[in-house]
Amino acid sequence: MRQTYRDRTPHESVAVAPPRAIAREARWAEPLLVCDVEYREFTGDSLRHPAFTGLRVDKTAGEVKMSLFDIDAP
C-alpha cells in the first residue's frame, strides 16, 4: 500500500475538504478501485445514509468525476 501514498488529495475534484484536524493526520492514496454508493441525501458536506452497492469494473478511477450536487433543490 505504501506505493500508493500521496502527499496531497489524489483528485482536485474533492467537493468538500476534510476538517484540518482530520486532514493533518490523513494519508491519501492513489485511487485504484471504483464503487457505487447509494445515499438518501447530500447535506452539503456529507452523504446521509450512504450504502456501498458494489465495485465497478467498467470504469477506471481516472474516468470518474464528482457528481454535481444541487444543495438548494427542494
C-alpha atoms as a PDB file:
ATOM      1  CA  MET A   1       0.000   0.000   0.000  1.00  0.00           C
ATOM      2  CA  ARG A   2       2.899   2.375   0.624  1.00  0.00           C
ATOM      3  CA  GLN A   3       3.450   2.590  -3.115  1.00  0.00           C
ATOM      4  CA  THR A   4       0.090   4.314  -3.500  1.00  0.00           C
ATOM      5  CA  TYR A   5       0.612   7.038  -0.839  1.00  0.00           C
ATOM      6  CA  ARG A   6       0.472  10.702  -1.895  1.00  0.00           C
ATOM      7  CA  ASP A   7       1.227  13.960  -0.125  1.00  0.00           C
ATOM      8  CA  ARG A   8      -1.995  15.648  -1.247  1.00  0.00           C
ATOM      9  CA  THR A   9      -5.525  14.687  -2.170  1.00  0.00           C
ATOM     10  CA  PRO A  10      -5.489  12.476  -5.282  1.00  0.00           C
ATOM     11  CA  HIS A  11      -8.208  14.461  -7.064  1.00  0.00           C
ATOM     12  CA  GLU A  12      -8.825  18.145  -7.383  1.00  0.00           C
ATOM     13  CA  SER A  13     -12.484  17.196  -7.690  1.00  0.00           C
ATOM     14  CA  VAL A  14     -12.907  16.540  -3.973  1.00  0.00           C
ATOM     15  CA  ALA A  15     -16.058  18.540  -3.292  1.00  0.00           C
ATOM     16  CA  VAL A  16     -15.538  19.163   0.406  1.00  0.00           C
ATOM     17  CA  ALA A  17     -12.149  19.346   2.051  1.00  0.00           C
ATOM     18  CA  PRO A  18     -11.854  17.432   5.316  1.00  0.00           C
ATOM     19  CA  PRO A  19     -11.553  19.460   8.529  1.00  0.00           C
ATOM     20  CA  ARG A  20      -7.953  20.476   9.254  1.00  0.00           C
ATOM     21  CA  ALA A  21      -7.825  18.368  12.409  1.00  0.00           C
ATOM     22  CA  ILE A  22      -8.573  15.294  10.307  1.00  0.00           C
ATOM     23  CA  ALA A  23      -6.550  16.333   7.233  1.00  0.00           C
ATOM     24  CA  ARG A  24      -3.465  16.835   9.382  1.00  0.00           C
ATOM     25  CA  GLU A  25      -3.415  13.112  10.149  1.00  0.00           C
ATOM     26  CA  ALA A  26      -4.830  11.933   6.801  1.00  0.00           C
ATOM     27  CA  ARG A  27      -2.942   9.636   4.480  1.00  0.00           C
ATOM     28  CA  TRP A  28      -4.016   9.996   0.866  1.00  0.00           C
ATOM     29  CA  ALA A  29      -3.664   7.119  -1.571  1.00  0.00           C
ATOM     30  CA  GLU A  30      -3.949   6.785  -5.321  1.00  0.00           C
ATOM     31  CA  PRO A  31      -7.475   5.675  -6.191  1.00  0.00           C
ATOM     32  CA  LEU A  32      -7.415   2.188  -7.668  1.00  0.00           C
ATOM     33  CA  LEU A  33     -10.978   0.914  -7.341  1.00  0.00           C
ATOM     34  CA  VAL A  34     -14.321   2.424  -8.341  1.00  0.00           C
ATOM     35  CA  CYS A  35     -17.514   1.651  -6.466  1.00  0.00           C
ATOM     36  CA  ASP A  36     -21.178   2.632  -6.460  1.00  0.00           C
ATOM     37  CA  VAL A  37     -22.652   4.200  -3.349  1.00  0.00           C
ATOM     38  CA  GLU A  38     -26.355   4.859  -2.828  1.00  0.00           C
ATOM     39  CA  TYR A  39     -27.391   7.569  -0.389  1.00  0.00           C
ATOM     40  CA  ARG A  40     -30.564   9.207   0.850  1.00  0.00           C
ATOM     41  CA  GLU A  41     -29.402  12.842   0.703  1.00  0.00           C
ATOM     42  CA  PHE A  42     -26.372  15.081   0.189  1.00  0.00           C
ATOM     43  CA  THR A  43     -26.348  17.540   3.102  1.00  0.00           C
ATOM     44  CA  GLY A  44     -23.825  19.985   1.651  1.00  0.00           C
ATOM     45  CA  ASP A  45     -20.820  18.449   3.375  1.00  0.00           C
ATOM     46  CA  SER A  46     -21.617  14.750   3.672  1.00  0.00           C
ATOM     47  CA  LEU A  47     -23.824  11.911   2.480  1.00  0.00           C
ATOM     48  CA  ARG A  48     -26.778  10.861   4.612  1.00  0.00           C
ATOM     49  CA  HIS A  49     -27.250   7.077   4.959  1.00  0.00           C
ATOM     50  CA  PRO A  50     -24.562   6.005   2.455  1.00  0.00           C
ATOM     51  CA  ALA A  51     -24.541   2.342   1.425  1.00  0.00           C
ATOM     52  CA  PHE A  52     -21.902   0.522  -0.616  1.00  0.00           C
ATOM     53  CA  THR A  53     -23.616  -1.242  -3.530  1.00  0.00           C
ATOM     54  CA  GLY A  54     -20.658  -2.789  -5.330  1.00  0.00           C
ATOM     55  CA  LEU A  55     -17.467  -2.363  -7.296  1.00  0.00           C
ATOM     56  CA  ARG A  56     -17.463  -1.110 -10.894  1.00  0.00           C
ATOM     57  CA  VAL A  57     -15.347  -2.917 -13.451  1.00  0.00           C
ATOM     58  CA  ASP A  58     -16.482  -0.787 -16.410  1.00  0.00           C
ATOM     59  CA  LYS A  59     -14.654   2.379 -15.246  1.00  0.00           C
ATOM     60  CA  THR A  60     -11.171   3.245 -14.050  1.00  0.00           C
ATOM     61  CA  ALA A  61     -10.518   5.644 -11.181  1.00  0.00           C
ATOM     62  CA  GLY A  62      -9.223   8.234 -13.669  1.00  0.00           C
ATOM     63  CA  GLU A  63     -12.542   8.279 -15.546  1.00  0.00           C
ATOM     64  CA  VAL A  64     -14.670   9.096 -12.511  1.00  0.00           C
ATOM     65  CA  LYS A  65     -15.778  12.679 -11.911  1.00  0.00           C
ATOM     66  CA  MET A  66     -17.502  14.032  -8.844  1.00  0.00           C
ATOM     67  CA  SER A  67     -21.241  14.413  -9.375  1.00  0.00           C
ATOM     68  CA  LEU A  68     -22.574  17.928  -9.089  1.00  0.00           C
ATOM     69  CA  PHE A  69     -24.957  18.267  -6.190  1.00  0.00           C
ATOM     70  CA  ASP A  70     -27.652  20.923  -6.138  1.00  0.00           C
ATOM     71  CA  ILE A  71     -27.925  21.589  -2.396  1.00  0.00           C
ATOM     72  CA  ASP A  72     -30.594  24.251  -2.911  1.00  0.00           C
ATOM     73  CA  ALA A  73     -33.037  21.865  -4.568  1.00  0.00           C
ATOM     74  CA  PRO A  74     -36.195  21.088  -2.578  1.00  0.00           C
END
